[in-house]
Amino acid sequence: MIYQKGALLVRKLVDTDKEKLVKWLSDPCVLEYYEGRDQPHDMEMVTKHFYNRENSEVTGCIIEYEGAEIGYIQFYPLEEDEIEEYGYADTPETIFGTDQFIGEVLYWNKGIGKQLVSSMIEFLVREKGADRVVMDPQSWNERAIACYEKCGMKKVKFLPKHEMHEGELRDCWLMEYKK
């Protein structure tokens, strides 16, 4: 277990989670916001993208809410190229990034995302020594941006044509929480 806060539990990804990830990442409702509807994941893609990370500092986790597995979150210290691109090259701070999705759509719009993001920020600051926590949601994803703002994150840099999504480069916002 990484941490638990109330009904929310975040635990490390294990092999038996692959089927759940395939289910979530082949759902067009989820893919509209995460990875893209043109990127449905099968077992091979899930294994490649979420499990074959020998030289990576990414920690992949499953989100449980009231005992139900409902989504995925990962956290990682920013790599040098991200530090440079985001404009943090001159800071000695410890900066972590996160990416997440709730894969069970019945759990959307219930405030769980806010609980997840705020508790992850708290964990990264307290347990990992993060001075900043960053995310780069696509600029059109107003629901995610509003959630992150409710968690104390601020838009700090517009990232034009930053992420490939559904066959085109999409604009994103760099958002940060600063301790």
C-alpha atoms as a PDB file:
ATOM      1  CA  MET A   1       0.000   0.000   0.000  1.00  0.00           C
ATOM      2  CA  ILE A   2       1.240   3.480  -0.860  1.00  0.00           C
ATOM      3  CA  TYR A   3      -1.286   5.290   1.360  1.00  0.00           C
ATOM      4  CA  GLN A   4      -4.880   5.327   2.560  1.00  0.00           C
ATOM      5  CA  LYS A   5      -7.010   8.338   3.341  1.00  0.00           C
ATOM      6  CA  GLY A   6     -10.546   7.598   4.418  1.00  0.00           C
ATOM      7  CA  ALA A   7     -12.346   5.475   1.816  1.00  0.00           C
ATOM      8  CA  LEU A   8      -9.524   6.044  -0.692  1.00  0.00           C
ATOM      9  CA  LEU A   9      -6.609   3.619  -0.943  1.00  0.00           C
ATOM     10  CA  VAL A  10      -3.680   3.857  -3.376  1.00  0.00           C
ATOM     11  CA  ARG A  11      -1.609   0.706  -3.815  1.00  0.00           C
ATOM     12  CA  LYS A  12       1.172  -0.422  -6.133  1.00  0.00           C
ATOM     13  CA  LEU A  13       0.240  -1.984  -9.440  1.00  0.00           C
ATOM     14  CA  VAL A  14       0.559  -5.787  -9.524  1.00  0.00           C
ATOM     15  CA  ASP A  15       0.359  -8.312 -12.404  1.00  0.00           C
ATOM     16  CA  THR A  16      -3.236  -9.233 -11.612  1.00  0.00           C
ATOM     17  CA  ASP A  17      -4.280  -5.624 -12.373  1.00  0.00           C
ATOM     18  CA  LYS A  18      -3.595  -6.029 -16.104  1.00  0.00           C
ATOM     19  CA  GLU A  19      -7.129  -7.160 -16.964  1.00  0.00           C
ATOM     20  CA  LYS A  20      -8.627  -4.187 -15.144  1.00  0.00           C
ATOM     21  CA  LEU A  21      -6.349  -1.795 -17.047  1.00  0.00           C
ATOM     22  CA  VAL A  22      -7.306  -3.419 -20.353  1.00  0.00           C
ATOM     23  CA  LYS A  23     -10.989  -2.992 -19.453  1.00  0.00           C
ATOM     24  CA  TRP A  24     -10.600   0.680 -18.559  1.00  0.00           C
ATOM     25  CA  LEU A  25      -8.290   1.511 -21.456  1.00  0.00           C
ATOM     26  CA  SER A  26     -10.586  -0.004 -24.037  1.00  0.00           C
ATOM     27  CA  ASP A  27     -13.605   2.009 -22.839  1.00  0.00           C
ATOM     28  CA  PRO A  28     -14.210   4.940 -25.254  1.00  0.00           C
ATOM     29  CA  CYS A  29     -15.537   7.079 -22.376  1.00  0.00           C
ATOM     30  CA  VAL A  30     -12.213   6.765 -20.540  1.00  0.00           C
ATOM     31  CA  LEU A  31     -10.097   6.982 -23.697  1.00  0.00           C
ATOM     32  CA  GLU A  32     -11.714  10.272 -24.666  1.00  0.00           C
ATOM     33  CA  TYR A  33      -9.716  11.832 -21.802  1.00  0.00           C
ATOM     34  CA  TYR A  34      -6.766   9.437 -21.321  1.00  0.00           C
ATOM     35  CA  GLU A  35      -4.677   8.055 -24.213  1.00  0.00           C
ATOM     36  CA  GLY A  36      -7.323   8.731 -26.924  1.00  0.00           C
ATOM     37  CA  ARG A  37     -10.153   6.725 -28.454  1.00  0.00           C
ATOM     38  CA  ASP A  38      -7.815   5.726 -31.281  1.00  0.00           C
ATOM     39  CA  GLN A  39      -5.560   3.950 -28.749  1.00  0.00           C
ATOM     40  CA  PRO A  40      -7.623   1.145 -27.179  1.00  0.00           C
ATOM     41  CA  HIS A  41      -5.273  -1.001 -25.118  1.00  0.00           C
ATOM     42  CA  ASP A  42      -5.054  -4.762 -25.282  1.00  0.00           C
ATOM     43  CA  MET A  43      -2.997  -6.941 -22.927  1.00  0.00           C
ATOM     44  CA  GLU A  44       0.191  -6.389 -24.943  1.00  0.00           C
ATOM     45  CA  MET A  45      -0.139  -2.579 -24.870  1.00  0.00           C
ATOM     46  CA  VAL A  46      -0.955  -2.530 -21.151  1.00  0.00           C
ATOM     47  CA  THR A  47       2.096  -4.696 -20.440  1.00  0.00           C
ATOM     48  CA  LYS A  48       4.317  -2.455 -22.578  1.00  0.00           C
ATOM     49  CA  HIS A  49       3.050   0.886 -21.224  1.00  0.00           C
ATOM     50  CA  PHE A  50       2.448   0.064 -17.561  1.00  0.00           C
ATOM     51  CA  TYR A  51       4.686  -2.882 -16.647  1.00  0.00           C
ATOM     52  CA  ASN A  52       7.889  -2.842 -18.728  1.00  0.00           C
ATOM     53  CA  ARG A  53       9.583   0.015 -16.884  1.00  0.00           C
ATOM     54  CA  GLU A  54      12.913  -1.433 -15.759  1.00  0.00           C
ATOM     55  CA  ASN A  55      14.870   1.838 -15.974  1.00  0.00           C
ATOM     56  CA  SER A  56      12.020   4.090 -14.960  1.00  0.00           C
ATOM     57  CA  GLU A  57      11.237   5.848 -11.707  1.00  0.00           C
ATOM     58  CA  VAL A  58       7.498   5.797 -12.442  1.00  0.00           C
ATOM     59  CA  THR A  59       5.426   4.218  -9.684  1.00  0.00           C
ATOM     60  CA  GLY A  60       2.168   2.857 -11.095  1.00  0.00           C
ATOM     61  CA  CYS A  61      -0.732   2.422  -8.701  1.00  0.00           C
ATOM     62  CA  ILE A  62      -4.327   1.255  -8.543  1.00  0.00           C
ATOM     63  CA  ILE A  63      -6.921   3.478  -6.912  1.00  0.00           C
ATOM     64  CA  GLU A  64      -9.456   1.786  -4.659  1.00  0.00           C
ATOM     65  CA  TYR A  65     -12.508   3.519  -3.262  1.00  0.00           C
ATOM     66  CA  GLU A  66     -14.573   1.826  -0.563  1.00  0.00           C
ATOM     67  CA  GLY A  67     -12.859  -1.443  -1.520  1.00  0.00           C
ATOM     68  CA  ALA A  68     -13.613  -1.198  -5.267  1.00  0.00           C
ATOM     69  CA  GLU A  69     -10.800  -0.868  -7.818  1.00  0.00           C
ATOM     70  CA  ILE A  70     -11.766   2.256  -9.759  1.00  0.00           C
ATOM     71  CA  GLY A  71      -8.722   3.693 -11.509  1.00  0.00           C
ATOM     72  CA  TYR A  72      -5.039   4.264 -12.008  1.00  0.00           C
ATOM     73  CA  ILE A  73      -2.516   6.865 -10.856  1.00  0.00           C
ATOM     74  CA  GLN A  74       1.226   7.132 -11.391  1.00  0.00           C
ATOM     75  CA  PHE A  75       3.827   9.425  -9.889  1.00  0.00           C
ATOM     76  CA  TYR A  76       7.439  10.099 -10.791  1.00  0.00           C
ATOM     77  CA  PRO A  77      10.267  12.585 -10.302  1.00  0.00           C
ATOM     78  CA  LEU A  78      10.483  14.768 -13.412  1.00  0.00           C
ATOM     79  CA  GLU A  79      13.150  13.742 -15.899  1.00  0.00           C
ATOM     80  CA  GLU A  80      15.749  16.198 -17.186  1.00  0.00           C
ATOM     81  CA  ASP A  81      13.963  16.854 -20.496  1.00  0.00           C
ATOM     82  CA  GLU A  82      10.699  17.653 -18.662  1.00  0.00           C
ATOM     83  CA  ILE A  83      12.512  19.906 -16.180  1.00  0.00           C
ATOM     84  CA  GLU A  84      13.979  21.802 -19.123  1.00  0.00           C
ATOM     85  CA  GLU A  85      10.746  21.957 -21.159  1.00  0.00           C
ATOM     86  CA  TYR A  86       8.662  23.112 -18.201  1.00  0.00           C
ATOM     87  CA  GLY A  87      11.124  25.858 -17.244  1.00  0.00           C
ATOM     88  CA  TYR A  88      12.444  24.413 -13.989  1.00  0.00           C
ATOM     89  CA  ALA A  89      16.106  24.048 -15.047  1.00  0.00           C
ATOM     90  CA  ASP A  90      17.298  26.762 -12.659  1.00  0.00           C
ATOM     91  CA  THR A  91      15.627  25.403  -9.542  1.00  0.00           C
ATOM     92  CA  PRO A  92      17.170  22.878  -7.148  1.00  0.00           C
ATOM     93  CA  GLU A  93      13.677  21.820  -6.053  1.00  0.00           C
ATOM     94  CA  THR A  94      12.323  18.287  -5.997  1.00  0.00           C
ATOM     95  CA  ILE A  95       9.506  18.112  -8.557  1.00  0.00           C
ATOM     96  CA  PHE A  96       7.121  15.208  -9.082  1.00  0.00           C
ATOM     97  CA  GLY A  97       4.607  14.652 -11.839  1.00  0.00           C
ATOM     98  CA  THR A  98       1.422  12.605 -11.732  1.00  0.00           C
ATOM     99  CA  ASP A  99      -1.058  11.215 -14.239  1.00  0.00           C
ATOM    100  CA  GLN A 100      -4.331   9.578 -13.344  1.00  0.00           C
ATOM    101  CA  PHE A 101      -7.748   8.475 -14.483  1.00  0.00           C
ATOM    102  CA  ILE A 102     -10.838   7.011 -12.915  1.00  0.00           C
ATOM    103  CA  GLY A 103     -11.619   4.019 -15.100  1.00  0.00           C
ATOM    104  CA  GLU A 104     -14.991   3.159 -13.605  1.00  0.00           C
ATOM    105  CA  VAL A 105     -17.256   5.844 -15.071  1.00  0.00           C
ATOM    106  CA  LEU A 106     -19.899   5.303 -12.371  1.00  0.00           C
ATOM    107  CA  TYR A 107     -17.407   6.935  -9.992  1.00  0.00           C
ATOM    108  CA  TRP A 108     -17.060  10.115 -12.080  1.00  0.00           C
ATOM    109  CA  ASN A 109     -18.435  13.439 -10.796  1.00  0.00           C
ATOM    110  CA  LYS A 110     -18.552  12.325  -7.157  1.00  0.00           C
ATOM    111  CA  GLY A 111     -15.578  14.320  -5.825  1.00  0.00           C
ATOM    112  CA  ILE A 112     -13.282  11.279  -5.771  1.00  0.00           C
ATOM    113  CA  GLY A 113     -10.839  12.874  -8.228  1.00  0.00           C
ATOM    114  CA  LYS A 114     -10.398  15.843  -5.880  1.00  0.00           C
ATOM    115  CA  GLN A 115      -9.794  13.480  -2.944  1.00  0.00           C
ATOM    116  CA  LEU A 116      -7.301  11.517  -5.027  1.00  0.00           C
ATOM    117  CA  VAL A 117      -5.293  14.461  -6.336  1.00  0.00           C
ATOM    118  CA  SER A 118      -5.190  16.335  -3.023  1.00  0.00           C
ATOM    119  CA  SER A 119      -4.162  13.203  -1.095  1.00  0.00           C
ATOM    120  CA  MET A 120      -1.474  12.380  -3.691  1.00  0.00           C
ATOM    121  CA  ILE A 121      -0.093  15.926  -3.439  1.00  0.00           C
ATOM    122  CA  GLU A 122      -0.043  15.559   0.339  1.00  0.00           C
ATOM    123  CA  PHE A 123       1.738  12.172   0.064  1.00  0.00           C
ATOM    124  CA  LEU A 124       4.361  13.468  -2.390  1.00  0.00           C
ATOM    125  CA  VAL A 125       5.132  16.534  -0.263  1.00  0.00           C
ATOM    126  CA  ARG A 126       5.231  14.647   3.042  1.00  0.00           C
ATOM    127  CA  GLU A 127       6.760  11.304   2.018  1.00  0.00           C
ATOM    128  CA  LYS A 128       8.805  12.099  -1.094  1.00  0.00           C
ATOM    129  CA  GLY A 129       9.969  15.622  -0.231  1.00  0.00           C
ATOM    130  CA  ALA A 130       8.299  17.231  -3.247  1.00  0.00           C
ATOM    131  CA  ASP A 131       8.568  21.008  -3.422  1.00  0.00           C
ATOM    132  CA  ARG A 132       6.258  21.045  -6.457  1.00  0.00           C
ATOM    133  CA  VAL A 133       3.806  18.618  -8.012  1.00  0.00           C
ATOM    134  CA  VAL A 134       2.942  19.117 -11.681  1.00  0.00           C
ATOM    135  CA  MET A 135       0.460  17.846 -14.263  1.00  0.00           C
ATOM    136  CA  ASP A 136      -0.123  18.735 -17.902  1.00  0.00           C
ATOM    137  CA  PRO A 137      -3.822  18.284 -18.736  1.00  0.00           C
ATOM    138  CA  GLN A 138      -5.034  19.050 -22.231  1.00  0.00           C
ATOM    139  CA  SER A 139      -6.400  22.587 -22.382  1.00  0.00           C
ATOM    140  CA  TRP A 140      -9.884  21.462 -23.463  1.00  0.00           C
ATOM    141  CA  ASN A 141     -10.291  19.153 -20.434  1.00  0.00           C
ATOM    142  CA  GLU A 142     -12.073  21.701 -18.266  1.00  0.00           C
ATOM    143  CA  ARG A 143     -13.352  19.132 -15.769  1.00  0.00           C
ATOM    144  CA  ALA A 144      -9.812  17.921 -14.944  1.00  0.00           C
ATOM    145  CA  ILE A 145      -8.448  21.473 -14.803  1.00  0.00           C
ATOM    146  CA  ALA A 146     -11.221  22.534 -12.404  1.00  0.00           C
ATOM    147  CA  CYS A 147     -10.495  19.504 -10.208  1.00  0.00           C
ATOM    148  CA  TYR A 148      -6.783  20.299 -10.066  1.00  0.00           C
ATOM    149  CA  GLU A 149      -7.481  23.950  -9.255  1.00  0.00           C
ATOM    150  CA  LYS A 150      -9.716  22.861  -6.346  1.00  0.00           C
ATOM    151  CA  CYS A 151      -6.664  20.941  -5.074  1.00  0.00           C
ATOM    152  CA  GLY A 152      -4.517  24.085  -4.989  1.00  0.00           C
ATOM    153  CA  MET A 153      -2.855  23.700  -8.391  1.00  0.00           C
ATOM    154  CA  LYS A 154      -2.393  26.689 -10.674  1.00  0.00           C
ATOM    155  CA  LYS A 155      -1.945  27.024 -14.422  1.00  0.00           C
ATOM    156  CA  VAL A 156       1.637  28.224 -14.860  1.00  0.00           C
ATOM    157  CA  LYS A 157       2.532  27.653 -18.512  1.00  0.00           C
ATOM    158  CA  PHE A 158       0.650  27.076 -21.754  1.00  0.00           C
ATOM    159  CA  LEU A 159       2.136  24.164 -23.716  1.00  0.00           C
ATOM    160  CA  PRO A 160       1.090  24.447 -27.388  1.00  0.00           C
ATOM    161  CA  LYS A 161       0.845  21.210 -29.377  1.00  0.00           C
ATOM    162  CA  HIS A 162       2.256  19.300 -26.413  1.00  0.00           C
ATOM    163  CA  GLU A 163       0.544  15.908 -26.482  1.00  0.00           C
ATOM    164  CA  MET A 164      -0.573  13.588 -29.261  1.00  0.00           C
ATOM    165  CA  HIS A 165      -4.228  12.722 -28.722  1.00  0.00           C
ATOM    166  CA  GLU A 166      -6.552  11.129 -31.252  1.00  0.00           C
ATOM    167  CA  GLY A 167      -4.238  11.821 -34.168  1.00  0.00           C
ATOM    168  CA  GLU A 168      -3.376  15.438 -33.490  1.00  0.00           C
ATOM    169  CA  LEU A 169      -1.053  17.402 -31.249  1.00  0.00           C
ATOM    170  CA  ARG A 170      -3.128  19.028 -28.511  1.00  0.00           C
ATOM    171  CA  ASP A 171      -2.454  22.065 -26.388  1.00  0.00           C
ATOM    172  CA  CYS A 172      -1.957  21.483 -22.668  1.00  0.00           C
ATOM    173  CA  TRP A 173      -1.553  23.497 -19.498  1.00  0.00           C
ATOM    174  CA  LEU A 174       1.329  22.955 -17.148  1.00  0.00           C
ATOM    175  CA  MET A 175      -0.273  23.068 -13.715  1.00  0.00           C
ATOM    176  CA  GLU A 176       1.619  23.029 -10.454  1.00  0.00           C
ATOM    177  CA  TYR A 177       1.158  22.802  -6.753  1.00  0.00           C
ATOM    178  CA  LYS A 178       3.945  24.621  -4.962  1.00  0.00           C
ATOM    179  CA  LYS A 179       4.670  23.819  -1.330  1.00  0.00           C
END
